[in-house]
Amino acid sequence: MLSFSFDFFIHLFSYIGLFFVVGMVKPKWALFFLKNPSRIIVMSISIILFMAVMTFYGAWNKEKMLQEKKSVESSIPVSELPVVK
C-alpha cells in the first residue's frame, strides 16, 4: 500500500527544518509569495507540516510493521501434530 522508504521521510523532515530556519532568519525568502511575511506564519506552517509528516510516518510505520508481522507468521513452518488413534 504505502511504498515509501524511510529516506523519503528524512528528506521531508530536512526540507521542513530548512524552511523553518530560513523563514526564521529571513521570512521574505521562505514566504516570497506574500506581501507581508512574518515569522509567526513561518512557524505555523512549519508546525502544521511537521504534524502532517509525523502522522503520515506513523501510518507508514504501522503498515510496515503489519506487513513484517504477516511475513513472519507465514514463514514459520507448522509442525504436524501426531495422530492419536
PDB file of N, CA and C in Angstrom:
ATOM      1  N   MET A   1       0.817  -1.192   0.000  1.00  0.00           N
ATOM      2  CA  MET A   1       0.000   0.000   0.000  1.00  0.00           C
ATOM      3  C   MET A   1       0.868   1.266   0.000  1.00  0.00           C
ATOM      4  N   LEU A   2       1.578   1.469   1.102  1.00  0.00           N
ATOM      5  CA  LEU A   2       2.425   2.651   1.209  1.00  0.00           C
ATOM      6  C   LEU A   2       3.844   2.259   0.845  1.00  0.00           C
ATOM      7  N   SER A   3       4.232   2.555  -0.360  1.00  0.00           N
ATOM      8  CA  SER A   3       5.535   2.089  -0.848  1.00  0.00           C
ATOM      9  C   SER A   3       6.612   3.167  -0.749  1.00  0.00           C
ATOM     10  N   PHE A   4       6.667   3.845   0.381  1.00  0.00           N
ATOM     11  CA  PHE A   4       7.706   4.838   0.608  1.00  0.00           C
ATOM     12  C   PHE A   4       8.823   4.197   1.410  1.00  0.00           C
ATOM     13  N   SER A   5       9.958   4.840   1.399  1.00  0.00           N
ATOM     14  CA  SER A   5      11.050   4.353   2.227  1.00  0.00           C
ATOM     15  C   SER A   5      11.298   5.350   3.355  1.00  0.00           C
ATOM     16  N   PHE A   6      12.120   4.939   4.291  1.00  0.00           N
ATOM     17  CA  PHE A   6      12.447   5.802   5.421  1.00  0.00           C
ATOM     18  C   PHE A   6      13.151   7.069   4.944  1.00  0.00           C
ATOM     19  N   ASP A   7      13.926   6.974   3.861  1.00  0.00           N
ATOM     20  CA  ASP A   7      14.642   8.138   3.324  1.00  0.00           C
ATOM     21  C   ASP A   7      13.682   9.237   2.885  1.00  0.00           C
ATOM     22  N   PHE A   8      12.517   8.846   2.391  1.00  0.00           N
ATOM     23  CA  PHE A   8      11.514   9.827   1.973  1.00  0.00           C
ATOM     24  C   PHE A   8      11.138  10.736   3.142  1.00  0.00           C
ATOM     25  N   PHE A   9      10.927  10.149   4.312  1.00  0.00           N
ATOM     26  CA  PHE A   9      10.545  10.934   5.484  1.00  0.00           C
ATOM     27  C   PHE A   9      11.713  11.767   6.002  1.00  0.00           C
ATOM     28  N   ILE A  10      12.924  11.244   5.895  1.00  0.00           N
ATOM     29  CA  ILE A  10      14.103  12.019   6.287  1.00  0.00           C
ATOM     30  C   ILE A  10      14.218  13.266   5.411  1.00  0.00           C
ATOM     31  N   HIS A  11      13.980  13.113   4.123  1.00  0.00           N
ATOM     32  CA  HIS A  11      14.032  14.267   3.217  1.00  0.00           C
ATOM     33  C   HIS A  11      12.938  15.279   3.558  1.00  0.00           C
ATOM     34  N   LEU A  12      11.737  14.807   3.835  1.00  0.00           N
ATOM     35  CA  LEU A  12      10.664  15.728   4.205  1.00  0.00           C
ATOM     36  C   LEU A  12      11.001  16.483   5.486  1.00  0.00           C
ATOM     37  N   PHE A  13      11.524  15.784   6.498  1.00  0.00           N
ATOM     38  CA  PHE A  13      11.911  16.444   7.748  1.00  0.00           C
ATOM     39  C   PHE A  13      13.003  17.481   7.511  1.00  0.00           C
ATOM     40  N   SER A  14      13.962  17.157   6.648  1.00  0.00           N
ATOM     41  CA  SER A  14      15.041  18.114   6.391  1.00  0.00           C
ATOM     42  C   SER A  14      14.517  19.337   5.638  1.00  0.00           C
ATOM     43  N   TYR A  15      13.575  19.148   4.707  1.00  0.00           N
ATOM     44  CA  TYR A  15      13.001  20.297   3.999  1.00  0.00           C
ATOM     45  C   TYR A  15      12.191  21.177   4.943  1.00  0.00           C
ATOM     46  N   ILE A  16      11.458  20.564   5.851  1.00  0.00           N
ATOM     47  CA  ILE A  16      10.694  21.345   6.824  1.00  0.00           C
ATOM     48  C   ILE A  16      11.646  22.113   7.739  1.00  0.00           C
ATOM     49  N   GLY A  17      12.718  21.460   8.179  1.00  0.00           N
ATOM     50  CA  GLY A  17      13.709  22.136   9.017  1.00  0.00           C
ATOM     51  C   GLY A  17      14.383  23.286   8.292  1.00  0.00           C
ATOM     52  N   LEU A  18      14.721  23.070   7.032  1.00  0.00           N
ATOM     53  CA  LEU A  18      15.337  24.128   6.232  1.00  0.00           C
ATOM     54  C   LEU A  18      14.374  25.298   6.046  1.00  0.00           C
ATOM     55  N   PHE A  19      13.109  24.995   5.752  1.00  0.00           N
ATOM     56  CA  PHE A  19      12.094  26.041   5.605  1.00  0.00           C
ATOM     57  C   PHE A  19      11.967  26.841   6.900  1.00  0.00           C
ATOM     58  N   PHE A  20      11.976  26.139   8.037  1.00  0.00           N
ATOM     59  CA  PHE A  20      11.840  26.809   9.329  1.00  0.00           C
ATOM     60  C   PHE A  20      13.025  27.721   9.612  1.00  0.00           C
ATOM     61  N   VAL A  21      14.240  27.216   9.416  1.00  0.00           N
ATOM     62  CA  VAL A  21      15.437  28.012   9.716  1.00  0.00           C
ATOM     63  C   VAL A  21      15.523  29.225   8.794  1.00  0.00           C
ATOM     64  N   VAL A  22      15.331  29.002   7.506  1.00  0.00           N
ATOM     65  CA  VAL A  22      15.392  30.120   6.552  1.00  0.00           C
ATOM     66  C   VAL A  22      14.278  31.120   6.850  1.00  0.00           C
ATOM     67  N   GLY A  23      13.087  30.613   7.166  1.00  0.00           N
ATOM     68  CA  GLY A  23      11.972  31.502   7.465  1.00  0.00           C
ATOM     69  C   GLY A  23      12.160  32.299   8.738  1.00  0.00           C
ATOM     70  N   MET A  24      12.858  31.737   9.714  1.00  0.00           N
ATOM     71  CA  MET A  24      13.114  32.475  10.947  1.00  0.00           C
ATOM     72  C   MET A  24      14.190  33.542  10.742  1.00  0.00           C
ATOM     73  N   VAL A  25      15.144  33.265   9.872  1.00  0.00           N
ATOM     74  CA  VAL A  25      16.198  34.244   9.614  1.00  0.00           C
ATOM     75  C   VAL A  25      15.697  35.326   8.660  1.00  0.00           C
ATOM     76  N   LYS A  26      15.161  34.900   7.524  1.00  0.00           N
ATOM     77  CA  LYS A  26      14.651  35.836   6.517  1.00  0.00           C
ATOM     78  C   LYS A  26      13.257  35.389   6.074  1.00  0.00           C
ATOM     79  N   PRO A  27      12.204  35.869   6.711  1.00  0.00           N
ATOM     80  CA  PRO A  27      10.852  35.433   6.348  1.00  0.00           C
ATOM     81  C   PRO A  27      10.494  35.735   4.891  1.00  0.00           C
ATOM     82  N   LYS A  28      11.090  36.762   4.335  1.00  0.00           N
ATOM     83  CA  LYS A  28      10.793  37.137   2.946  1.00  0.00           C
ATOM     84  C   LYS A  28      11.261  36.056   1.974  1.00  0.00           C
ATOM     85  N   TRP A  29      12.319  35.328   2.294  1.00  0.00           N
ATOM     86  CA  TRP A  29      12.819  34.271   1.407  1.00  0.00           C
ATOM     87  C   TRP A  29      11.889  33.067   1.419  1.00  0.00           C
ATOM     88  N   ALA A  30      11.442  32.676   2.602  1.00  0.00           N
ATOM     89  CA  ALA A  30      10.590  31.490   2.703  1.00  0.00           C
ATOM     90  C   ALA A  30       9.171  31.759   2.208  1.00  0.00           C
ATOM     91  N   LEU A  31       8.680  32.951   2.462  1.00  0.00           N
ATOM     92  CA  LEU A  31       7.317  33.313   2.058  1.00  0.00           C
ATOM     93  C   LEU A  31       7.360  34.392   0.981  1.00  0.00           C
ATOM     94  N   PHE A  32       8.054  34.099  -0.097  1.00  0.00           N
ATOM     95  CA  PHE A  32       8.247  35.081  -1.168  1.00  0.00           C
ATOM     96  C   PHE A  32       6.942  35.474  -1.847  1.00  0.00           C
ATOM     97  N   PHE A  33       5.909  34.659  -1.739  1.00  0.00           N
ATOM     98  CA  PHE A  33       4.643  34.913  -2.423  1.00  0.00           C
ATOM     99  C   PHE A  33       3.706  35.807  -1.615  1.00  0.00           C
ATOM    100  N   LEU A  34       4.071  36.139  -0.376  1.00  0.00           N
ATOM    101  CA  LEU A  34       3.252  37.018   0.453  1.00  0.00           C
ATOM    102  C   LEU A  34       3.797  38.440   0.428  1.00  0.00           C
ATOM    103  N   LYS A  35       2.885  39.400   0.566  1.00  0.00           N
ATOM    104  CA  LYS A  35       3.318  40.796   0.595  1.00  0.00           C
ATOM    105  C   LYS A  35       3.930  41.165   1.944  1.00  0.00           C
ATOM    106  N   ASN A  36       3.384  40.592   3.008  1.00  0.00           N
ATOM    107  CA  ASN A  36       3.838  40.941   4.352  1.00  0.00           C
ATOM    108  C   ASN A  36       4.139  39.667   5.151  1.00  0.00           C
ATOM    109  N   PRO A  37       5.259  38.997   4.874  1.00  0.00           N
ATOM    110  CA  PRO A  37       5.553  37.750   5.593  1.00  0.00           C
ATOM    111  C   PRO A  37       6.000  38.020   7.033  1.00  0.00           C
ATOM    112  N   SER A  38       5.717  37.070   7.905  1.00  0.00           N
ATOM    113  CA  SER A  38       6.149  37.211   9.297  1.00  0.00           C
ATOM    114  C   SER A  38       6.657  35.866   9.808  1.00  0.00           C
ATOM    115  N   ARG A  39       7.359  35.925  10.911  1.00  0.00           N
ATOM    116  CA  ARG A  39       7.916  34.705  11.496  1.00  0.00           C
ATOM    117  C   ARG A  39       6.829  33.816  12.095  1.00  0.00           C
ATOM    118  N   ILE A  40       5.742  34.420  12.529  1.00  0.00           N
ATOM    119  CA  ILE A  40       4.620  33.645  13.078  1.00  0.00           C
ATOM    120  C   ILE A  40       4.031  32.742  11.996  1.00  0.00           C
ATOM    121  N   ILE A  41       3.900  33.248  10.788  1.00  0.00           N
ATOM    122  CA  ILE A  41       3.366  32.447   9.682  1.00  0.00           C
ATOM    123  C   ILE A  41       4.320  31.304   9.360  1.00  0.00           C
ATOM    124  N   VAL A  42       5.616  31.585   9.338  1.00  0.00           N
ATOM    125  CA  VAL A  42       6.610  30.541   9.072  1.00  0.00           C
ATOM    126  C   VAL A  42       6.532  29.460  10.144  1.00  0.00           C
ATOM    127  N   MET A  43       6.441  29.872  11.401  1.00  0.00           N
ATOM    128  CA  MET A  43       6.363  28.905  12.490  1.00  0.00           C
ATOM    129  C   MET A  43       5.078  28.077  12.395  1.00  0.00           C
ATOM    130  N   SER A  44       3.965  28.710  12.073  1.00  0.00           N
ATOM    131  CA  SER A  44       2.693  27.994  11.952  1.00  0.00           C
ATOM    132  C   SER A  44       2.730  26.976  10.823  1.00  0.00           C
ATOM    133  N   ILE A  45       3.245  27.368   9.677  1.00  0.00           N
ATOM    134  CA  ILE A  45       3.343  26.450   8.537  1.00  0.00           C
ATOM    135  C   ILE A  45       4.272  25.292   8.879  1.00  0.00           C
ATOM    136  N   SER A  46       5.381  25.586   9.534  1.00  0.00           N
ATOM    137  CA  SER A  46       6.329  24.526   9.904  1.00  0.00           C
ATOM    138  C   SER A  46       5.705  23.528  10.870  1.00  0.00           C
ATOM    139  N   ILE A  47       4.968  24.013  11.844  1.00  0.00           N
ATOM    140  CA  ILE A  47       4.324  23.121  12.814  1.00  0.00           C
ATOM    141  C   ILE A  47       3.281  22.248  12.132  1.00  0.00           C
ATOM    142  N   ILE A  48       2.475  22.837  11.263  1.00  0.00           N
ATOM    143  CA  ILE A  48       1.447  22.069  10.553  1.00  0.00           C
ATOM    144  C   ILE A  48       2.085  21.014   9.660  1.00  0.00           C
ATOM    145  N   LEU A  49       3.132  21.388   8.930  1.00  0.00           N
ATOM    146  CA  LEU A  49       3.816  20.416   8.072  1.00  0.00           C
ATOM    147  C   LEU A  49       4.460  19.306   8.898  1.00  0.00           C
ATOM    148  N   PHE A  50       5.063  19.667  10.020  1.00  0.00           N
ATOM    149  CA  PHE A  50       5.691  18.663  10.878  1.00  0.00           C
ATOM    150  C   PHE A  50       4.657  17.667  11.406  1.00  0.00           C
ATOM    151  N   MET A  51       3.511  18.173  11.861  1.00  0.00           N
ATOM    152  CA  MET A  51       2.471  17.279  12.370  1.00  0.00           C
ATOM    153  C   MET A  51       1.934  16.378  11.266  1.00  0.00           C
ATOM    154  N   ALA A  52       1.766  16.915  10.064  1.00  0.00           N
ATOM    155  CA  ALA A  52       1.264  16.111   8.952  1.00  0.00           C
ATOM    156  C   ALA A  52       2.249  15.006   8.586  1.00  0.00           C
ATOM    157  N   VAL A  53       3.528  15.339   8.525  1.00  0.00           N
ATOM    158  CA  VAL A  53       4.537  14.335   8.166  1.00  0.00           C
ATOM    159  C   VAL A  53       4.661  13.283   9.265  1.00  0.00           C
ATOM    160  N   MET A  54       4.589  13.677  10.528  1.00  0.00           N
ATOM    161  CA  MET A  54       4.662  12.701  11.615  1.00  0.00           C
ATOM    162  C   MET A  54       3.457  11.757  11.592  1.00  0.00           C
ATOM    163  N   THR A  55       2.277  12.282  11.280  1.00  0.00           N
ATOM    164  CA  THR A  55       1.088  11.441  11.167  1.00  0.00           C
ATOM    165  C   THR A  55       1.240  10.457  10.021  1.00  0.00           C
ATOM    166  N   PHE A  56       1.733  10.947   8.901  1.00  0.00           N
ATOM    167  CA  PHE A  56       1.938  10.094   7.732  1.00  0.00           C
ATOM    168  C   PHE A  56       3.007   9.039   8.012  1.00  0.00           C
ATOM    169  N   TYR A  57       4.049   9.426   8.730  1.00  0.00           N
ATOM    170  CA  TYR A  57       5.097   8.468   9.097  1.00  0.00           C
ATOM    171  C   TYR A  57       4.544   7.387  10.025  1.00  0.00           C
ATOM    172  N   GLY A  58       3.690   7.775  10.958  1.00  0.00           N
ATOM    173  CA  GLY A  58       3.089   6.802  11.862  1.00  0.00           C
ATOM    174  C   GLY A  58       2.240   5.785  11.117  1.00  0.00           C
ATOM    175  N   ALA A  59       1.458   6.251  10.146  1.00  0.00           N
ATOM    176  CA  ALA A  59       0.642   5.333   9.348  1.00  0.00           C
ATOM    177  C   ALA A  59       1.526   4.413   8.516  1.00  0.00           C
ATOM    178  N   TRP A  60       2.592   4.958   7.948  1.00  0.00           N
ATOM    179  CA  TRP A  60       3.515   4.148   7.136  1.00  0.00           C
ATOM    180  C   TRP A  60       4.208   3.103   8.001  1.00  0.00           C
ATOM    181  N   ASN A  61       4.642   3.508   9.184  1.00  0.00           N
ATOM    182  CA  ASN A  61       5.352   2.594  10.077  1.00  0.00           C
ATOM    183  C   ASN A  61       4.425   1.479  10.565  1.00  0.00           C
ATOM    184  N   LYS A  62       3.178   1.814  10.858  1.00  0.00           N
ATOM    185  CA  LYS A  62       2.215   0.807  11.301  1.00  0.00           C
ATOM    186  C   LYS A  62       1.962  -0.210  10.185  1.00  0.00           C
ATOM    187  N   GLU A  63       1.789   0.277   8.966  1.00  0.00           N
ATOM    188  CA  GLU A  63       1.573  -0.612   7.822  1.00  0.00           C
ATOM    189  C   GLU A  63       2.786  -1.512   7.602  1.00  0.00           C
ATOM    190  N   LYS A  64       3.970  -0.943   7.748  1.00  0.00           N
ATOM    191  CA  LYS A  64       5.205  -1.715   7.577  1.00  0.00           C
ATOM    192  C   LYS A  64       5.311  -2.812   8.638  1.00  0.00           C
ATOM    193  N   MET A  65       4.980  -2.478   9.879  1.00  0.00           N
ATOM    194  CA  MET A  65       5.038  -3.475  10.955  1.00  0.00           C
ATOM    195  C   MET A  65       4.032  -4.601  10.722  1.00  0.00           C
ATOM    196  N   LEU A  66       2.832  -4.254  10.246  1.00  0.00           N
ATOM    197  CA  LEU A  66       1.835  -5.285   9.967  1.00  0.00           C
ATOM    198  C   LEU A  66       2.294  -6.209   8.847  1.00  0.00           C
ATOM    199  N   GLN A  67       2.928  -5.639   7.818  1.00  0.00           N
ATOM    200  CA  GLN A  67       3.436  -6.465   6.721  1.00  0.00           C
ATOM    201  C   GLN A  67       4.553  -7.383   7.208  1.00  0.00           C
ATOM    202  N   GLU A  68       5.438  -6.870   8.057  1.00  0.00           N
ATOM    203  CA  GLU A  68       6.516  -7.701   8.599  1.00  0.00           C
ATOM    204  C   GLU A  68       5.956  -8.814   9.484  1.00  0.00           C
ATOM    205  N   LYS A  69       4.948  -8.490  10.271  1.00  0.00           N
ATOM    206  CA  LYS A  69       4.341  -9.489  11.142  1.00  0.00           C
ATOM    207  C   LYS A  69       3.675 -10.584  10.306  1.00  0.00           C
ATOM    208  N   LYS A  70       3.012 -10.174   9.220  1.00  0.00           N
ATOM    209  CA  LYS A  70       2.376 -11.142   8.335  1.00  0.00           C
ATOM    210  C   LYS A  70       3.407 -12.059   7.697  1.00  0.00           C
ATOM    211  N   SER A  71       4.521 -11.487   7.255  1.00  0.00           N
ATOM    212  CA  SER A  71       5.540 -12.299   6.595  1.00  0.00           C
ATOM    213  C   SER A  71       6.214 -13.251   7.585  1.00  0.00           C
ATOM    214  N   VAL A  72       6.380 -12.823   8.833  1.00  0.00           N
ATOM    215  CA  VAL A  72       6.979 -13.696   9.845  1.00  0.00           C
ATOM    216  C   VAL A  72       6.024 -14.841  10.173  1.00  0.00           C
ATOM    217  N   GLU A  73       4.741 -14.532  10.305  1.00  0.00           N
ATOM    218  CA  GLU A  73       3.761 -15.569  10.616  1.00  0.00           C
ATOM    219  C   GLU A  73       3.659 -16.590   9.490  1.00  0.00           C
ATOM    220  N   SER A  74       3.754 -16.129   8.254  1.00  0.00           N
ATOM    221  CA  SER A  74       3.612 -17.052   7.133  1.00  0.00           C
ATOM    222  C   SER A  74       4.881 -17.872   6.906  1.00  0.00           C
ATOM    223  N   SER A  75       6.021 -17.400   7.398  1.00  0.00           N
ATOM    224  CA  SER A  75       7.263 -18.128   7.170  1.00  0.00           C
ATOM    225  C   SER A  75       7.554 -19.177   8.248  1.00  0.00           C
ATOM    226  N   ILE A  76       6.809 -19.163   9.345  1.00  0.00           N
ATOM    227  CA  ILE A  76       7.023 -20.150  10.403  1.00  0.00           C
ATOM    228  C   ILE A  76       6.390 -21.473   9.967  1.00  0.00           C
ATOM    229  N   PRO A  77       7.174 -22.534   9.921  1.00  0.00           N
ATOM    230  CA  PRO A  77       6.596 -23.816   9.499  1.00  0.00           C
ATOM    231  C   PRO A  77       5.689 -24.393  10.592  1.00  0.00           C
ATOM    232  N   VAL A  78       4.601 -24.917  10.160  1.00  0.00           N
ATOM    233  CA  VAL A  78       3.659 -25.519  11.094  1.00  0.00           C
ATOM    234  C   VAL A  78       4.023 -26.987  11.230  1.00  0.00           C
ATOM    235  N   SER A  79       4.337 -27.374  12.444  1.00  0.00           N
ATOM    236  CA  SER A  79       4.704 -28.776  12.653  1.00  0.00           C
ATOM    237  C   SER A  79       3.436 -29.626  12.655  1.00  0.00           C
ATOM    238  N   GLU A  80       3.579 -30.798  12.135  1.00  0.00           N
ATOM    239  CA  GLU A  80       2.421 -31.679  12.070  1.00  0.00           C
ATOM    240  C   GLU A  80       2.169 -32.282  13.444  1.00  0.00           C
ATOM    241  N   LEU A  81       0.923 -32.314  13.820  1.00  0.00           N
ATOM    242  CA  LEU A  81       0.551 -32.892  15.104  1.00  0.00           C
ATOM    243  C   LEU A  81       0.494 -34.407  14.976  1.00  0.00           C
ATOM    244  N   PRO A  82       0.902 -35.109  16.000  1.00  0.00           N
ATOM    245  CA  PRO A  82       0.821 -36.575  15.928  1.00  0.00           C
ATOM    246  C   PRO A  82      -0.641 -37.035  15.906  1.00  0.00           C
ATOM    247  N   VAL A  83      -0.891 -38.029  15.127  1.00  0.00           N
ATOM    248  CA  VAL A  83      -2.248 -38.554  15.008  1.00  0.00           C
ATOM    249  C   VAL A  83      -2.487 -39.534  16.148  1.00  0.00           C
ATOM    250  N   VAL A  84      -3.531 -39.283  16.896  1.00  0.00           N
ATOM    251  CA  VAL A  84      -3.884 -40.157  18.019  1.00  0.00           C
ATOM    252  C   VAL A  84      -4.929 -41.153  17.532  1.00  0.00           C
ATOM    253  N   LYS A  85      -4.657 -42.458  17.735  1.00  0.00           N
ATOM    254  CA  LYS A  85      -5.602 -43.487  17.275  1.00  0.00           C
ATOM    255  C   LYS A  85      -6.403 -44.042  18.413  1.00  0.00           C
TER     256      LYS A  85
END
